[in-house]
C-alpha atoms as a PDB file:
ATOM      1  CA  MET A   1     -38.446 113.619 -22.056  1.00  0.00           C
ATOM      2  CA  SER A   2     -40.464 111.038 -23.836  1.00  0.00           C
ATOM      3  CA  HIS A   3     -37.623 110.467 -22.309  1.00  0.00           C
ATOM      4  CA  THR A   4     -38.440 107.231 -24.235  1.00  0.00           C
ATOM      5  CA  PRO A   5     -37.115 104.739 -25.018  1.00  0.00           C
ATOM      6  CA  ALA A   6     -33.844 105.331 -23.202  1.00  0.00           C
ATOM      7  CA  ARG A   7     -34.965 107.528 -20.353  1.00  0.00           C
ATOM      8  CA  PRO A   8     -34.923 105.966 -16.851  1.00  0.00           C
ATOM      9  CA  THR A   9     -38.122 105.252 -14.961  1.00  0.00           C
ATOM     10  CA  ARG A  10     -39.647 108.433 -13.605  1.00  0.00           C
ATOM     11  CA  ARG A  11     -39.144 109.294 -10.016  1.00  0.00           C
ATOM     12  CA  THR A  12     -41.897 110.002  -7.516  1.00  0.00           C
ATOM     13  CA  LEU A  13     -43.987 113.025  -8.445  1.00  0.00           C
ATOM     14  CA  LEU A  14     -42.950 116.073  -6.527  1.00  0.00           C
ATOM     15  CA  THR A  15     -45.604 116.950  -3.969  1.00  0.00           C
ATOM     16  CA  GLY A  16     -44.178 119.632  -1.716  1.00  0.00           C
ATOM     17  CA  ALA A  17     -44.765 123.288  -2.548  1.00  0.00           C
ATOM     18  CA  ALA A  18     -41.596 125.399  -2.555  1.00  0.00           C
ATOM     19  CA  ALA A  19     -41.148 128.490  -0.444  1.00  0.00           C
ATOM     20  CA  THR A  20     -42.487 131.846  -1.646  1.00  0.00           C
ATOM     21  CA  ALA A  21     -39.882 134.030  -3.336  1.00  0.00           C
ATOM     22  CA  ALA A  22     -39.216 137.719  -2.952  1.00  0.00           C
ATOM     23  CA  ALA A  23     -41.113 140.116  -5.183  1.00  0.00           C
ATOM     24  CA  ALA A  24     -37.937 141.549  -6.699  1.00  0.00           C
ATOM     25  CA  VAL A  25     -36.302 139.512  -9.453  1.00  0.00           C
ATOM     26  CA  THR A  26     -33.891 140.272 -11.464  1.00  0.00           C
ATOM     27  CA  GLY A  27     -17.133 127.501  -5.915  1.00  0.00           C
ATOM     28  CA  THR A  28     -15.539 125.618  -7.783  1.00  0.00           C
ATOM     29  CA  ALA A  29     -16.194 122.268  -6.116  1.00  0.00           C
ATOM     30  CA  ALA A  30     -15.559 118.620  -6.730  1.00  0.00           C
ATOM     31  CA  VAL A  31     -17.697 117.103  -9.480  1.00  0.00           C
ATOM     32  CA  THR A  32     -20.592 115.040  -8.162  1.00  0.00           C
ATOM     33  CA  GLY A  33     -23.174 112.865  -9.770  1.00  0.00           C
ATOM     34  CA  THR A  34     -24.733 109.540  -9.299  1.00  0.00           C
ATOM     35  CA  ALA A  35     -26.882 110.293  -7.748  1.00  0.00           C
ATOM     36  CA  ALA A  36     -30.873 118.789 -42.073  1.00  0.00           C
ATOM     37  CA  VAL A  37     -32.240 121.704 -39.977  1.00  0.00           C
ATOM     38  CA  THR A  38     -32.350 125.463 -40.556  1.00  0.00           C
ATOM     39  CA  GLY A  39     -33.572 127.951 -37.986  1.00  0.00           C
ATOM     40  CA  THR A  40     -35.960 130.785 -38.675  1.00  0.00           C
ATOM     41  CA  ALA A  41     -34.864 134.398 -38.326  1.00  0.00           C
ATOM     42  CA  HIS A  42     -35.750 136.539 -35.335  1.00  0.00           C
ATOM     43  CA  ALA A  43     -38.646 138.896 -35.439  1.00  0.00           C
ATOM     44  CA  ALA A  44     -37.458 142.468 -34.989  1.00  0.00           C
ATOM     45  CA  ALA A  45     -39.455 142.713 -31.782  1.00  0.00           C
ATOM     46  CA  ALA A  46     -37.242 140.054 -30.214  1.00  0.00           C
ATOM     47  CA  ARG A  47     -34.264 142.410 -30.246  1.00  0.00           C
ATOM     48  CA  PRO A  48     -34.953 145.236 -27.804  1.00  0.00           C
ATOM     49  CA  THR A  49     -32.398 148.012 -27.613  1.00  0.00           C
ATOM     50  CA  PRO A  50     -29.724 146.988 -25.087  1.00  0.00           C
ATOM     51  CA  ALA A  51     -29.553 148.993 -21.904  1.00  0.00           C
ATOM     52  CA  ARG A  52     -26.206 150.440 -20.890  1.00  0.00           C
ATOM     53  CA  ARG A  53     -24.420 148.198 -18.393  1.00  0.00           C
ATOM     54  CA  SER A  54     -22.541 149.763 -15.524  1.00  0.00           C
ATOM     55  CA  ALA A  55     -18.854 148.888 -15.692  1.00  0.00           C
ATOM     56  CA  ALA A  56     -18.923 148.258 -11.948  1.00  0.00           C
ATOM     57  CA  ARG A  57     -21.456 145.435 -12.149  1.00  0.00           C
ATOM     58  CA  THR A  58     -20.311 141.838 -12.578  1.00  0.00           C
ATOM     59  CA  PRO A  59     -22.243 139.914 -15.256  1.00  0.00           C
ATOM     60  CA  LYS A  60     -23.706 136.589 -14.148  1.00  0.00           C
ATOM     61  CA  ALA A  61     -26.159 134.240 -15.875  1.00  0.00           C
ATOM     62  CA  LEU A  62     -28.730 131.698 -14.715  1.00  0.00           C
ATOM     63  CA  LEU A  63     -30.366 129.419 -17.305  1.00  0.00           C
ATOM     64  CA  ILE A  64     -33.354 127.433 -16.003  1.00  0.00           C
ATOM     65  CA  GLY A  65     -34.709 124.558 -18.088  1.00  0.00           C
ATOM     66  CA  LEU A  66     -38.270 123.392 -17.444  1.00  0.00           C
ATOM     67  CA  ASP A  67     -38.543 119.997 -19.098  1.00  0.00           C
ATOM     68  CA  GLY A  68     -41.665 119.586 -21.222  1.00  0.00           C
ATOM     69  CA  CYS A  69     -43.100 122.983 -20.294  1.00  0.00           C
ATOM     70  CA  MET A  70     -45.507 124.873 -22.590  1.00  0.00           C
ATOM     71  CA  LEU A  71     -45.668 128.656 -22.464  1.00  0.00           C
ATOM     72  CA  ASP A  72     -49.421 128.909 -23.020  1.00  0.00           C
ATOM     73  CA  ARG A  73     -49.979 126.720 -19.959  1.00  0.00           C
ATOM     74  CA  VAL A  74     -47.616 128.921 -17.922  1.00  0.00           C
ATOM     75  CA  ALA A  75     -49.973 131.799 -18.743  1.00  0.00           C
ATOM     76  CA  GLU A  76     -52.890 129.808 -17.289  1.00  0.00           C
ATOM     77  CA  ALA A  77     -51.071 128.693 -14.152  1.00  0.00           C
ATOM     78  CA  ASP A  78     -50.789 130.416 -10.797  1.00  0.00           C
ATOM     79  CA  ALA A  79     -47.105 131.066 -11.441  1.00  0.00           C
ATOM     80  CA  PRO A  80     -46.261 134.510 -10.031  1.00  0.00           C
ATOM     81  CA  HIS A  81     -42.487 134.217 -10.358  1.00  0.00           C
ATOM     82  CA  LEU A  82     -42.528 133.166 -14.014  1.00  0.00           C
ATOM     83  CA  HIS A  83     -45.175 135.816 -14.711  1.00  0.00           C
ATOM     84  CA  ARG A  84     -42.969 138.430 -13.060  1.00  0.00           C
ATOM     85  CA  LEU A  85     -39.989 137.427 -15.200  1.00  0.00           C
ATOM     86  CA  ILE A  86     -42.173 137.698 -18.309  1.00  0.00           C
ATOM     87  CA  ALA A  87     -43.542 141.106 -17.296  1.00  0.00           C
ATOM     88  CA  GLY A  88     -40.026 142.376 -16.566  1.00  0.00           C
ATOM     89  CA  GLY A  89     -38.355 141.093 -19.707  1.00  0.00           C
ATOM     90  CA  LEU A  90     -38.791 139.262 -23.006  1.00  0.00           C
ATOM     91  CA  ARG A  91     -41.445 136.632 -23.761  1.00  0.00           C
ATOM     92  CA  ALA A  92     -40.408 134.789 -26.946  1.00  0.00           C
ATOM     93  CA  PRO A  93     -42.190 131.602 -28.026  1.00  0.00           C
ATOM     94  CA  GLY A  94     -40.559 129.339 -30.581  1.00  0.00           C
ATOM     95  CA  THR A  95     -41.097 126.167 -32.593  1.00  0.00           C
ATOM     96  CA  ILE A  96     -38.838 123.123 -32.805  1.00  0.00           C
ATOM     97  CA  PRO A  97     -37.866 122.821 -36.488  1.00  0.00           C
ATOM     98  CA  TYR A  98     -36.837 119.153 -36.463  1.00  0.00           C
ATOM     99  CA  ALA A  99     -39.030 116.039 -36.284  1.00  0.00           C
ATOM    100  CA  PHE A 100     -37.912 114.324 -33.078  1.00  0.00           C
ATOM    101  CA  THR A 101     -39.276 116.247 -30.098  1.00  0.00           C
ATOM    102  CA  LEU A 102     -37.234 114.439 -27.450  1.00  0.00           C
ATOM    103  CA  SER A 103     -35.185 115.702 -24.515  1.00  0.00           C
ATOM    104  CA  GLY A 104     -31.785 114.518 -25.740  1.00  0.00           C
ATOM    105  CA  PRO A 105     -31.802 116.595 -28.919  1.00  0.00           C
ATOM    106  CA  GLY A 106     -33.750 119.391 -27.239  1.00  0.00           C
ATOM    107  CA  TRP A 107     -31.316 120.061 -24.413  1.00  0.00           C
ATOM    108  CA  SER A 108     -28.347 119.458 -26.730  1.00  0.00           C
ATOM    109  CA  THR A 109     -29.615 122.130 -29.125  1.00  0.00           C
ATOM    110  CA  LEU A 110     -30.298 124.615 -26.330  1.00  0.00           C
ATOM    111  CA  ALA A 111     -26.919 124.041 -24.683  1.00  0.00           C
ATOM    112  CA  THR A 112     -24.690 123.968 -27.761  1.00  0.00           C
ATOM    113  CA  GLY A 113     -26.270 126.655 -29.930  1.00  0.00           C
ATOM    114  CA  VAL A 114     -26.321 124.373 -32.988  1.00  0.00           C
ATOM    115  CA  TRP A 115     -28.976 122.158 -34.577  1.00  0.00           C
ATOM    116  CA  PRO A 116     -28.910 118.328 -34.477  1.00  0.00           C
ATOM    117  CA  THR A 117     -27.321 118.228 -37.935  1.00  0.00           C
ATOM    118  CA  LYS A 118     -24.193 119.486 -36.162  1.00  0.00           C
ATOM    119  CA  HIS A 119     -24.306 118.236 -32.562  1.00  0.00           C
ATOM    120  CA  GLY A 120     -25.493 114.789 -33.732  1.00  0.00           C
ATOM    121  CA  VAL A 121     -28.011 113.966 -30.977  1.00  0.00           C
ATOM    122  CA  ARG A 122     -31.320 112.587 -32.261  1.00  0.00           C
ATOM    123  CA  ASP A 123     -32.632 110.610 -29.303  1.00  0.00           C
ATOM    124  CA  ASN A 124     -32.117 110.148 -25.572  1.00  0.00           C
ATOM    125  CA  THR A 125     -29.165 107.776 -25.883  1.00  0.00           C
ATOM    126  CA  PHE A 126     -26.910 110.646 -27.069  1.00  0.00           C
ATOM    127  CA  ARG A 127     -25.381 108.250 -29.599  1.00  0.00           C
ATOM    128  CA  GLY A 128     -23.657 110.117 -32.389  1.00  0.00           C
ATOM    129  CA  GLN A 129     -23.025 113.204 -30.258  1.00  0.00           C
ATOM    130  CA  ARG A 130     -20.291 115.568 -31.450  1.00  0.00           C
ATOM    131  CA  PHE A 131     -19.822 117.574 -28.268  1.00  0.00           C
ATOM    132  CA  ALA A 132     -16.052 117.661 -28.754  1.00  0.00           C
ATOM    133  CA  THR A 133     -16.663 119.877 -31.790  1.00  0.00           C
ATOM    134  CA  TYR A 134     -19.805 121.591 -30.510  1.00  0.00           C
ATOM    135  CA  PRO A 135     -19.500 121.726 -26.708  1.00  0.00           C
ATOM    136  CA  ASP A 136     -22.099 122.943 -24.245  1.00  0.00           C
ATOM    137  CA  VAL A 137     -22.304 126.637 -23.397  1.00  0.00           C
ATOM    138  CA  LEU A 138     -20.692 126.267 -19.963  1.00  0.00           C
ATOM    139  CA  THR A 139     -17.716 124.509 -21.531  1.00  0.00           C
ATOM    140  CA  ARG A 140     -17.491 127.409 -24.000  1.00  0.00           C
ATOM    141  CA  VAL A 141     -17.354 129.746 -20.999  1.00  0.00           C
ATOM    142  CA  GLU A 142     -14.527 127.710 -19.456  1.00  0.00           C
ATOM    143  CA  GLN A 143     -12.582 127.638 -22.716  1.00  0.00           C
ATOM    144  CA  ALA A 144     -12.904 131.383 -23.253  1.00  0.00           C
ATOM    145  CA  ARG A 145     -12.528 132.584 -19.663  1.00  0.00           C
ATOM    146  CA  PRO A 146     -11.281 129.820 -17.345  1.00  0.00           C
ATOM    147  CA  ALA A 147     -11.403 132.061 -14.281  1.00  0.00           C
ATOM    148  CA  LEU A 148     -15.212 132.188 -14.405  1.00  0.00           C
ATOM    149  CA  ARG A 149     -17.092 129.682 -12.246  1.00  0.00           C
ATOM    150  CA  THR A 150     -19.540 127.342 -13.993  1.00  0.00           C
ATOM    151  CA  TYR A 151     -22.220 125.058 -12.552  1.00  0.00           C
ATOM    152  CA  ALA A 152     -24.840 122.622 -13.892  1.00  0.00           C
ATOM    153  CA  VAL A 153     -27.424 120.636 -11.930  1.00  0.00           C
ATOM    154  CA  SER A 154     -30.171 118.458 -13.410  1.00  0.00           C
ATOM    155  CA  SER A 155     -32.935 116.172 -12.221  1.00  0.00           C
ATOM    156  CA  TRP A 156     -32.480 114.181 -15.449  1.00  0.00           C
ATOM    157  CA  PRO A 157     -29.008 112.741 -14.800  1.00  0.00           C
ATOM    158  CA  GLN A 158     -28.063 112.308 -18.460  1.00  0.00           C
ATOM    159  CA  LEU A 159     -27.344 116.016 -18.626  1.00  0.00           C
ATOM    160  CA  THR A 160     -24.735 116.151 -15.883  1.00  0.00           C
ATOM    161  CA  SER A 161     -23.522 112.573 -15.283  1.00  0.00           C
ATOM    162  CA  ALA A 162     -22.488 109.554 -17.349  1.00  0.00           C
ATOM    163  CA  THR A 163     -25.857 107.867 -16.779  1.00  0.00           C
ATOM    164  CA  GLY A 164     -27.716 106.685 -19.878  1.00  0.00           C
ATOM    165  CA  GLY A 165     -25.306 107.955 -22.521  1.00  0.00           C
ATOM    166  CA  GLY A 166     -24.606 111.394 -21.072  1.00  0.00           C
ATOM    167  CA  PRO A 167     -23.367 113.762 -20.027  1.00  0.00           C
ATOM    168  CA  LEU A 168     -24.264 116.761 -22.131  1.00  0.00           C
ATOM    169  CA  PHE A 169     -22.256 119.126 -19.895  1.00  0.00           C
ATOM    170  CA  SER A 170     -18.590 118.202 -20.074  1.00  0.00           C
ATOM    171  CA  PRO A 171     -16.055 117.640 -17.270  1.00  0.00           C
ATOM    172  CA  ALA A 172     -14.670 121.102 -18.050  1.00  0.00           C
ATOM    173  CA  VAL A 173     -17.624 122.542 -16.116  1.00  0.00           C
ATOM    174  CA  ASP A 174     -16.472 123.347 -12.582  1.00  0.00           C
ATOM    175  CA  VAL A 175     -19.427 121.742 -10.780  1.00  0.00           C
ATOM    176  CA  ARG A 176     -21.840 119.161 -12.216  1.00  0.00           C
ATOM    177  CA  VAL A 177     -24.520 117.708  -9.974  1.00  0.00           C
ATOM    178  CA  ALA A 178     -27.107 114.967 -10.527  1.00  0.00           C
ATOM    179  CA  PRO A 179     -29.028 114.661  -7.229  1.00  0.00           C
ATOM    180  CA  PRO A 180     -30.136 111.191  -6.089  1.00  0.00           C
ATOM    181  CA  GLY A 181     -33.347 110.052  -7.745  1.00  0.00           C
ATOM    182  CA  SER A 182     -35.271 110.230  -4.508  1.00  0.00           C
ATOM    183  CA  ALA A 183     -34.457 113.941  -4.202  1.00  0.00           C
ATOM    184  CA  TYR A 184     -35.734 114.785  -7.688  1.00  0.00           C
ATOM    185  CA  ASP A 185     -36.595 118.468  -8.333  1.00  0.00           C
ATOM    186  CA  ALA A 186     -36.580 119.300  -4.624  1.00  0.00           C
ATOM    187  CA  GLY A 187     -32.969 118.148  -4.419  1.00  0.00           C
ATOM    188  CA  THR A 188     -32.031 119.984  -7.597  1.00  0.00           C
ATOM    189  CA  THR A 189     -33.578 123.180  -6.244  1.00  0.00           C
ATOM    190  CA  GLN A 190     -31.916 122.815  -2.866  1.00  0.00           C
ATOM    191  CA  ASP A 191     -28.499 122.392  -4.460  1.00  0.00           C
ATOM    192  CA  ALA A 192     -29.055 125.349  -6.799  1.00  0.00           C
ATOM    193  CA  VAL A 193     -30.227 127.642  -3.982  1.00  0.00           C
ATOM    194  CA  ALA A 194     -27.206 126.767  -1.858  1.00  0.00           C
ATOM    195  CA  ARG A 195     -24.736 127.468  -4.660  1.00  0.00           C
ATOM    196  CA  LEU A 196     -26.452 130.633  -5.876  1.00  0.00           C
ATOM    197  CA  SER A 197     -26.477 131.947  -2.301  1.00  0.00           C
ATOM    198  CA  ALA A 198     -22.778 131.303  -1.734  1.00  0.00           C
ATOM    199  CA  THR A 199     -20.199 134.063  -1.669  1.00  0.00           C
ATOM    200  CA  ASP A 200     -18.434 132.393  -4.597  1.00  0.00           C
ATOM    201  CA  ALA A 201     -21.651 131.857  -6.573  1.00  0.00           C
ATOM    202  CA  PRO A 202     -21.189 130.573 -10.113  1.00  0.00           C
ATOM    203  CA  ASP A 203     -20.856 133.127 -12.886  1.00  0.00           C
ATOM    204  CA  ALA A 204     -22.822 130.892 -15.269  1.00  0.00           C
ATOM    205  CA  SER A 205     -25.352 128.286 -14.111  1.00  0.00           C
ATOM    206  CA  PHE A 206     -27.737 125.763 -15.684  1.00  0.00           C
ATOM    207  CA  VAL A 207     -30.593 124.223 -13.669  1.00  0.00           C
ATOM    208  CA  GLN A 208     -32.970 121.611 -15.126  1.00  0.00           C
ATOM    209  CA  LEU A 209     -36.280 120.728 -13.423  1.00  0.00           C
ATOM    210  CA  ASP A 210     -38.111 117.628 -14.596  1.00  0.00           C
ATOM    211  CA  ASN A 211     -41.497 117.333 -12.889  1.00  0.00           C
ATOM    212  CA  ILE A 212     -43.580 119.246 -15.463  1.00  0.00           C
ATOM    213  CA  ASP A 213     -42.607 116.626 -18.024  1.00  0.00           C
ATOM    214  CA  HIS A 214     -43.500 113.872 -15.559  1.00  0.00           C
ATOM    215  CA  ALA A 215     -46.977 115.350 -15.153  1.00  0.00           C
ATOM    216  CA  GLY A 216     -47.359 115.646 -18.916  1.00  0.00           C
ATOM    217  CA  HIS A 217     -46.606 111.962 -19.370  1.00  0.00           C
ATOM    218  CA  ALA A 218     -48.770 110.863 -16.478  1.00  0.00           C
ATOM    219  CA  SER A 219     -51.806 113.105 -16.984  1.00  0.00           C
ATOM    220  CA  GLY A 220     -51.471 114.999 -20.259  1.00  0.00           C
ATOM    221  CA  GLY A 221     -50.498 118.513 -21.212  1.00  0.00           C
ATOM    222  CA  ALA A 222     -54.098 119.709 -20.922  1.00  0.00           C
ATOM    223  CA  SER A 223     -54.578 118.365 -17.388  1.00  0.00           C
ATOM    224  CA  ARG A 224     -54.924 120.103 -14.057  1.00  0.00           C
ATOM    225  CA  ALA A 225     -51.993 118.021 -12.820  1.00  0.00           C
ATOM    226  CA  TYR A 226     -49.811 119.573 -15.503  1.00  0.00           C
ATOM    227  CA  LEU A 227     -50.797 123.067 -14.337  1.00  0.00           C
ATOM    228  CA  GLU A 228     -50.035 122.085 -10.754  1.00  0.00           C
ATOM    229  CA  ALA A 229     -46.591 120.877 -11.816  1.00  0.00           C
ATOM    230  CA  ILE A 230     -45.935 124.266 -13.432  1.00  0.00           C
ATOM    231  CA  GLU A 231     -47.023 125.937 -10.202  1.00  0.00           C
ATOM    232  CA  GLY A 232     -44.653 123.732  -8.200  1.00  0.00           C
ATOM    233  CA  ALA A 233     -41.776 124.537 -10.551  1.00  0.00           C
ATOM    234  CA  ASP A 234     -42.652 128.226 -10.319  1.00  0.00           C
ATOM    235  CA  ALA A 235     -42.236 128.107  -6.548  1.00  0.00           C
ATOM    236  CA  GLN A 236     -38.829 126.465  -7.008  1.00  0.00           C
ATOM    237  CA  VAL A 237     -37.835 129.139  -9.521  1.00  0.00           C
ATOM    238  CA  GLY A 238     -38.899 131.634  -6.865  1.00  0.00           C
ATOM    239  CA  GLN A 239     -36.482 130.078  -4.372  1.00  0.00           C
ATOM    240  CA  MET A 240     -33.643 130.546  -6.847  1.00  0.00           C
ATOM    241  CA  LEU A 241     -34.618 134.166  -7.467  1.00  0.00           C
ATOM    242  CA  THR A 242     -34.678 134.811  -3.730  1.00  0.00           C
ATOM    243  CA  ALA A 243     -31.193 133.298  -3.475  1.00  0.00           C
ATOM    244  CA  LEU A 244     -29.994 135.834  -6.062  1.00  0.00           C
ATOM    245  CA  THR A 245     -31.736 138.918  -4.730  1.00  0.00           C
ATOM    246  CA  SER A 246     -30.708 138.138  -1.143  1.00  0.00           C
ATOM    247  CA  ARG A 247     -27.022 138.068  -1.973  1.00  0.00           C
ATOM    248  CA  PRO A 248     -25.096 140.857  -0.179  1.00  0.00           C
ATOM    249  CA  THR A 249     -23.356 141.591  -3.484  1.00  0.00           C
ATOM    250  CA  HIS A 250     -26.517 141.555  -5.603  1.00  0.00           C
ATOM    251  CA  ALA A 251     -26.491 145.311  -6.291  1.00  0.00           C
ATOM    252  CA  ALA A 252     -23.030 144.941  -7.825  1.00  0.00           C
ATOM    253  CA  GLU A 253     -24.079 142.036 -10.056  1.00  0.00           C
ATOM    254  CA  ASP A 254     -25.717 142.119 -13.499  1.00  0.00           C
ATOM    255  CA  TRP A 255     -27.874 138.983 -13.639  1.00  0.00           C
ATOM    256  CA  LEU A 256     -29.313 137.542 -16.845  1.00  0.00           C
ATOM    257  CA  ILE A 257     -32.083 135.055 -16.080  1.00  0.00           C
ATOM    258  CA  MET A 258     -33.386 132.869 -18.891  1.00  0.00           C
ATOM    259  CA  VAL A 259     -36.090 130.202 -18.690  1.00  0.00           C
ATOM    260  CA  THR A 260     -36.625 127.739 -21.527  1.00  0.00           C
ATOM    261  CA  ALA A 261     -37.948 124.272 -22.428  1.00  0.00           C
ATOM    262  CA  ASP A 262     -36.807 121.363 -24.560  1.00  0.00           C
ATOM    263  CA  HIS A 263     -40.210 120.431 -26.054  1.00  0.00           C
ATOM    264  CA  GLY A 264     -43.942 120.488 -25.370  1.00  0.00           C
ATOM    265  CA  HIS A 265     -46.623 117.818 -24.857  1.00  0.00           C
ATOM    266  CA  THR A 266     -49.760 116.517 -26.474  1.00  0.00           C
ATOM    267  CA  ASP A 267     -52.996 117.231 -24.625  1.00  0.00           C
ATOM    268  CA  ALA A 268     -53.317 113.523 -23.853  1.00  0.00           C
ATOM    269  CA  GLY A 269     -49.687 113.287 -22.777  1.00  0.00           C
ATOM    270  CA  GLY A 270     -46.395 112.428 -24.412  1.00  0.00           C
ATOM    271  CA  HIS A 271     -44.104 113.833 -27.066  1.00  0.00           C
ATOM    272  CA  GLY A 272     -41.603 112.774 -29.708  1.00  0.00           C
ATOM    273  CA  GLY A 273     -43.833 113.508 -32.698  1.00  0.00           C
ATOM    274  CA  THR A 274     -44.480 116.491 -34.908  1.00  0.00           C
ATOM    275  CA  SER A 275     -47.705 118.026 -33.596  1.00  0.00           C
ATOM    276  CA  ALA A 276     -47.757 121.751 -32.883  1.00  0.00           C
ATOM    277  CA  ARG A 277     -48.157 121.100 -29.145  1.00  0.00           C
ATOM    278  CA  GLU A 278     -45.098 118.836 -29.021  1.00  0.00           C
ATOM    279  CA  LYS A 279     -43.003 121.308 -31.026  1.00  0.00           C
ATOM    280  CA  GLN A 280     -43.588 124.195 -28.624  1.00  0.00           C
ATOM    281  CA  THR A 281     -40.639 125.841 -26.958  1.00  0.00           C
ATOM    282  CA  PHE A 282     -39.888 129.343 -25.650  1.00  0.00           C
ATOM    283  CA  VAL A 283     -37.413 131.699 -24.044  1.00  0.00           C
ATOM    284  CA  ILE A 284     -38.143 134.057 -21.171  1.00  0.00           C
ATOM    285  CA  ALA A 285     -35.246 136.493 -20.765  1.00  0.00           C
ATOM    286  CA  HIS A 286     -34.939 138.981 -17.903  1.00  0.00           C
ATOM    287  CA  GLY A 287     -31.980 141.304 -17.453  1.00  0.00           C
ATOM    288  CA  THR A 288     -29.902 144.014 -19.068  1.00  0.00           C
ATOM    289  CA  GLY A 289     -31.018 144.751 -22.611  1.00  0.00           C
ATOM    290  CA  PHE A 290     -34.471 143.177 -22.380  1.00  0.00           C
ATOM    291  CA  THR A 291     -37.275 145.723 -22.301  1.00  0.00           C
ATOM    292  CA  PRO A 292     -39.988 144.896 -19.740  1.00  0.00           C
ATOM    293  CA  GLY A 293     -43.027 143.422 -21.427  1.00  0.00           C
ATOM    294  CA  SER A 294     -41.326 142.928 -24.788  1.00  0.00           C
ATOM    295  CA  THR A 295     -42.370 140.069 -27.045  1.00  0.00           C
ATOM    296  CA  GLY A 296     -40.892 138.367 -30.074  1.00  0.00           C
ATOM    297  CA  THR A 297     -39.868 134.955 -31.361  1.00  0.00           C
ATOM    298  CA  SER A 298     -36.912 132.803 -30.424  1.00  0.00           C
ATOM    299  CA  ARG A 299     -34.971 129.832 -31.680  1.00  0.00           C
ATOM    300  CA  MET A 300     -33.517 127.176 -29.408  1.00  0.00           C
ATOM    301  CA  VAL A 301     -30.044 127.826 -30.823  1.00  0.00           C
ATOM    302  CA  ASP A 302     -30.172 131.457 -29.628  1.00  0.00           C
ATOM    303  CA  VAL A 303     -30.011 130.583 -25.933  1.00  0.00           C
ATOM    304  CA  ALA A 304     -26.297 129.746 -25.739  1.00  0.00           C
ATOM    305  CA  PRO A 305     -25.104 132.807 -27.718  1.00  0.00           C
ATOM    306  CA  THR A 306     -27.287 135.040 -25.551  1.00  0.00           C
ATOM    307  CA  LEU A 307     -25.666 133.719 -22.380  1.00  0.00           C
ATOM    308  CA  LEU A 308     -22.149 134.009 -23.795  1.00  0.00           C
ATOM    309  CA  THR A 309     -22.726 137.580 -24.970  1.00  0.00           C
ATOM    310  CA  HIS A 310     -24.045 138.633 -21.562  1.00  0.00           C
ATOM    311  CA  LEU A 311     -20.828 137.374 -19.965  1.00  0.00           C
ATOM    312  CA  GLY A 312     -18.773 139.433 -22.417  1.00  0.00           C
ATOM    313  CA  ILE A 313     -17.578 136.441 -24.420  1.00  0.00           C
ATOM    314  CA  ALA A 314     -17.327 137.186 -28.138  1.00  0.00           C
ATOM    315  CA  ILE A 315     -18.833 134.622 -30.504  1.00  0.00           C
ATOM    316  CA  ASP A 316     -15.979 133.132 -32.528  1.00  0.00           C
ATOM    317  CA  PRO A 317     -17.041 132.471 -36.162  1.00  0.00           C
ATOM    318  CA  ARG A 318     -14.946 129.313 -36.051  1.00  0.00           C
ATOM    319  CA  TRP A 319     -17.470 127.822 -33.596  1.00  0.00           C
ATOM    320  CA  HIS A 320     -20.029 127.767 -36.439  1.00  0.00           C
ATOM    321  CA  LEU A 321     -22.941 128.425 -34.082  1.00  0.00           C
ATOM    322  CA  ASP A 322     -26.387 128.429 -35.686  1.00  0.00           C
ATOM    323  CA  GLY A 323     -27.838 130.892 -33.187  1.00  0.00           C
ATOM    324  CA  ALA A 324     -27.384 134.583 -32.439  1.00  0.00           C
ATOM    325  CA  PRO A 325     -27.827 136.616 -29.242  1.00  0.00           C
ATOM    326  CA  LEU A 326     -31.451 137.532 -28.607  1.00  0.00           C
ATOM    327  CA  ARG A 327     -30.730 141.082 -27.605  1.00  0.00           C
END
């Protein structure tokens, strides 16, 4: 967020620590829910040589969004699961190239693969959105391969429900969940773990956790509370990774895991401006084609094409995406 001015009042700060995840990382249901910019080119190091994928393995993708998270603070935190993903894949910081470092345009850019000059979102009201022309990545999956199962869950309801000008993810997505406000990130994690553990787990999933941003607003990006929020989110990421690696069919599945953020925070707390801290973003990518320990740079618009390419969906030039696959 600043999830200002249109963002709802923040929910209670998450206090419970999530369960420890396994060391290894790698349903279509009824919809629920009430509860002028140019990107920079990739550095060559951000494009490791793709590994050969076994034809027998089924590609699946999990995109985790950590609202307001800064990569340099992840490095300082006791965050073993995020550190393991970084060590086993690509670490690619990036910079937001537009002036309004807010969640609405941030998540819209990440999900659609185009800059605000195209998708139209410049604040948290989502006014001016052109998602019919530039839909979210899960809707692209549904349009290209309707048989694939798609799923989105978010602690910030504007992403998955009609609350506050949303949703970003369209009704074409098989399952969209906005947990009740009282459940917050714990409820989001619980729902994600249940669906990722299921026999008919989604082929493409988006999960947004919000509490790091809450801590940034309340205590500042340089605070101990902000680090603790990263550590809490890391434990929840670990639960999701355990859900994947514990699946009986895991050995036959080719999982791409990406972690990203919509913006950063000032040291004193808050965002929406143009400081270097507020304009921080990043991509962590773990899976086929990403060399362990590789580093490079990323652009927000590269996330959606990377997910689509992993699922074997060709990028249609008529979509006019601004991004390109990271691999």
